[in-house]
Amino acid sequence: MAVKEQEINRAYENIRIEKDSFGEVKISADVVAGIAALAAIEVEGVESTLGSFTNEIAGKLGVKNLSKGVKAVIEEEKVMIDMNIVMKYGYNILKTCKQIQDRVSQSVENMTGFEVKEVNIRIAGVSISKDE
């Protein structure tokens, strides 16, 4: 197996495969993480997801990564999601996190068909708007 082919297979280690008479559909864990990130930032009180140092550097270089700060693991049709969130100042953290968990779970289940087993949230910071 060529090195390039091994890299592609590694990228799809955590996938869901649906196969029928027309072909197959593969859903990468990165796609699930992207769905979760988009769902999370739709919740009022969430400023952003916070990525690693590598993701931040890539973002500065123009590489877009919707799932920065979000990791999804798929095991036997169940998803576990870990995310780092930056909150806006003045919002109740526990209430907002519950809303994030509900929104992320619903979005991932509706779009992928996976059962979401858990959504773990780490508050990585609080943002104070310059408009205030």
Protein backbone atom coordinates (compact mmCIF):
# COMPACT_ATOMS: atom_id res chain seq x y z
CA MET A 1 0.00 0.00 0.00
CA ALA A 2 1.44 3.39 -1.00
CA VAL A 3 2.12 6.04 1.64
CA LYS A 4 -0.52 8.39 0.17
CA GLU A 5 -3.16 5.64 0.29
CA GLN A 6 -2.28 4.91 3.95
CA GLU A 7 -2.76 8.62 4.79
CA ILE A 8 -6.18 8.64 3.15
CA ASN A 9 -7.24 5.50 5.00
CA ARG A 10 -6.03 7.00 8.32
CA ALA A 11 -8.12 10.13 7.70
CA TYR A 12 -11.21 7.96 7.48
CA GLU A 13 -10.55 5.75 10.51
CA ASN A 14 -13.67 7.04 12.24
CA ILE A 15 -16.36 6.97 9.57
CA ARG A 16 -19.83 5.78 8.93
CA ILE A 17 -20.32 3.81 5.75
CA GLU A 18 -23.69 3.37 4.11
CA LYS A 19 -23.73 1.09 1.10
CA ASP A 20 -26.58 0.37 -1.27
CA SER A 21 -27.05 -0.51 -4.93
CA PHE A 22 -26.00 3.01 -6.03
CA GLY A 23 -22.73 3.12 -4.11
CA GLU A 24 -21.51 4.10 -0.68
CA VAL A 25 -21.50 7.19 1.51
CA LYS A 26 -18.70 7.82 4.01
CA ILE A 27 -18.96 10.36 6.83
CA SER A 28 -15.65 11.42 8.38
CA ALA A 29 -15.29 12.30 12.05
CA ASP A 30 -14.05 15.71 10.86
CA VAL A 31 -17.41 16.31 9.18
CA VAL A 32 -19.22 15.44 12.40
CA ALA A 33 -16.91 17.83 14.29
CA GLY A 34 -17.70 20.58 11.77
CA ILE A 35 -21.45 20.07 12.21
CA ALA A 36 -21.00 20.22 15.98
CA ALA A 37 -18.94 23.42 15.77
CA LEU A 38 -21.49 25.17 13.57
CA ALA A 39 -24.33 24.10 15.85
CA ALA A 40 -22.48 25.35 18.94
CA ILE A 41 -21.79 28.84 17.60
CA GLU A 42 -25.48 29.25 16.78
CA VAL A 43 -26.26 29.22 20.52
CA GLU A 44 -26.66 32.68 22.04
CA GLY A 45 -23.78 33.40 24.41
CA VAL A 46 -21.17 31.44 22.45
CA GLU A 47 -18.37 33.55 20.98
CA SER A 48 -16.46 30.77 19.20
CA THR A 49 -14.86 27.37 19.42
CA LEU A 50 -11.20 27.48 20.39
CA GLY A 51 -8.67 25.39 18.53
CA SER A 52 -5.18 24.27 19.30
CA PHE A 53 -2.12 26.39 18.59
CA THR A 54 -1.64 24.56 15.27
CA ASN A 55 -5.23 25.32 14.19
CA GLU A 56 -4.80 28.99 15.14
CA ILE A 57 -1.63 29.28 13.02
CA ALA A 58 -3.35 27.55 10.08
CA GLY A 59 -6.25 30.01 10.41
CA LYS A 60 -3.87 32.95 10.23
CA LEU A 61 -2.43 31.47 7.03
CA GLY A 62 -5.89 31.37 5.47
CA VAL A 63 -6.68 27.70 6.00
CA LYS A 64 -10.30 27.45 7.17
CA ASN A 65 -11.09 24.78 9.72
CA LEU A 66 -14.71 24.81 10.83
CA SER A 67 -14.11 22.20 13.48
CA LYS A 68 -11.31 23.97 15.36
CA GLY A 69 -11.55 23.15 19.03
CA VAL A 70 -13.95 20.26 18.39
CA LYS A 71 -13.11 16.56 18.33
CA ALA A 72 -15.55 13.83 17.35
CA VAL A 73 -14.98 10.12 17.83
CA ILE A 74 -17.26 7.60 16.14
CA GLU A 75 -17.52 4.12 17.61
CA GLU A 76 -20.17 1.61 16.56
CA GLU A 77 -22.68 4.21 15.28
CA LYS A 78 -22.28 6.36 18.42
CA VAL A 79 -20.53 9.72 18.60
CA MET A 80 -18.60 11.30 21.45
CA ILE A 81 -17.84 15.00 21.02
CA ASP A 82 -15.37 17.14 22.98
CA MET A 83 -15.35 20.90 22.40
CA ASN A 84 -13.55 23.98 23.66
CA ILE A 85 -15.83 27.02 23.80
CA VAL A 86 -15.21 30.73 24.30
CA MET A 87 -18.26 32.26 26.01
CA LYS A 88 -19.51 35.83 25.76
CA TYR A 89 -19.39 37.74 29.03
CA GLY A 90 -22.69 37.97 30.94
CA TYR A 91 -24.25 34.63 30.00
CA ASN A 92 -24.97 31.81 32.45
CA ILE A 93 -22.35 29.17 31.69
CA LEU A 94 -24.31 26.11 32.85
CA LYS A 95 -27.52 27.13 31.05
CA THR A 96 -25.63 27.98 27.86
CA CYS A 97 -23.69 24.69 27.96
CA LYS A 98 -26.94 22.72 28.26
CA GLN A 99 -28.25 24.57 25.20
CA ILE A 100 -25.02 23.78 23.33
CA GLN A 101 -25.30 20.09 24.23
CA ASP A 102 -28.93 19.95 23.06
CA ARG A 103 -28.26 21.84 19.81
CA VAL A 104 -25.12 19.86 18.94
CA SER A 105 -26.76 16.53 19.70
CA GLN A 106 -29.85 17.35 17.65
CA SER A 107 -27.85 18.68 14.68
CA VAL A 108 -25.45 15.74 14.51
CA GLU A 109 -28.24 13.16 14.88
CA ASN A 110 -30.43 14.85 12.25
CA MET A 111 -27.65 15.29 9.70
CA THR A 112 -25.75 12.01 10.10
CA GLY A 113 -28.10 9.49 11.68
CA PHE A 114 -25.54 8.82 14.42
CA GLU A 115 -26.61 8.54 18.04
CA VAL A 116 -24.79 11.16 20.11
CA LYS A 117 -23.57 9.48 23.28
CA GLU A 118 -22.00 12.56 24.91
CA VAL A 119 -21.10 16.19 24.29
CA ASN A 120 -18.33 17.34 26.63
CA ILE A 121 -17.69 21.07 26.86
CA ARG A 122 -14.64 22.85 28.22
CA ILE A 123 -14.97 26.61 28.74
CA ALA A 124 -11.67 27.87 27.36
CA GLY A 125 -12.30 31.57 27.86
CA VAL A 126 -14.72 34.46 28.22
CA SER A 127 -14.90 37.19 25.60
CA ILE A 128 -15.71 40.78 26.43
CA SER A 129 -17.20 42.61 23.45
CA LYS A 130 -15.53 45.90 22.52
CA ASP A 131 -18.97 47.40 21.79
CA GLU A 132 -19.93 47.33 25.47
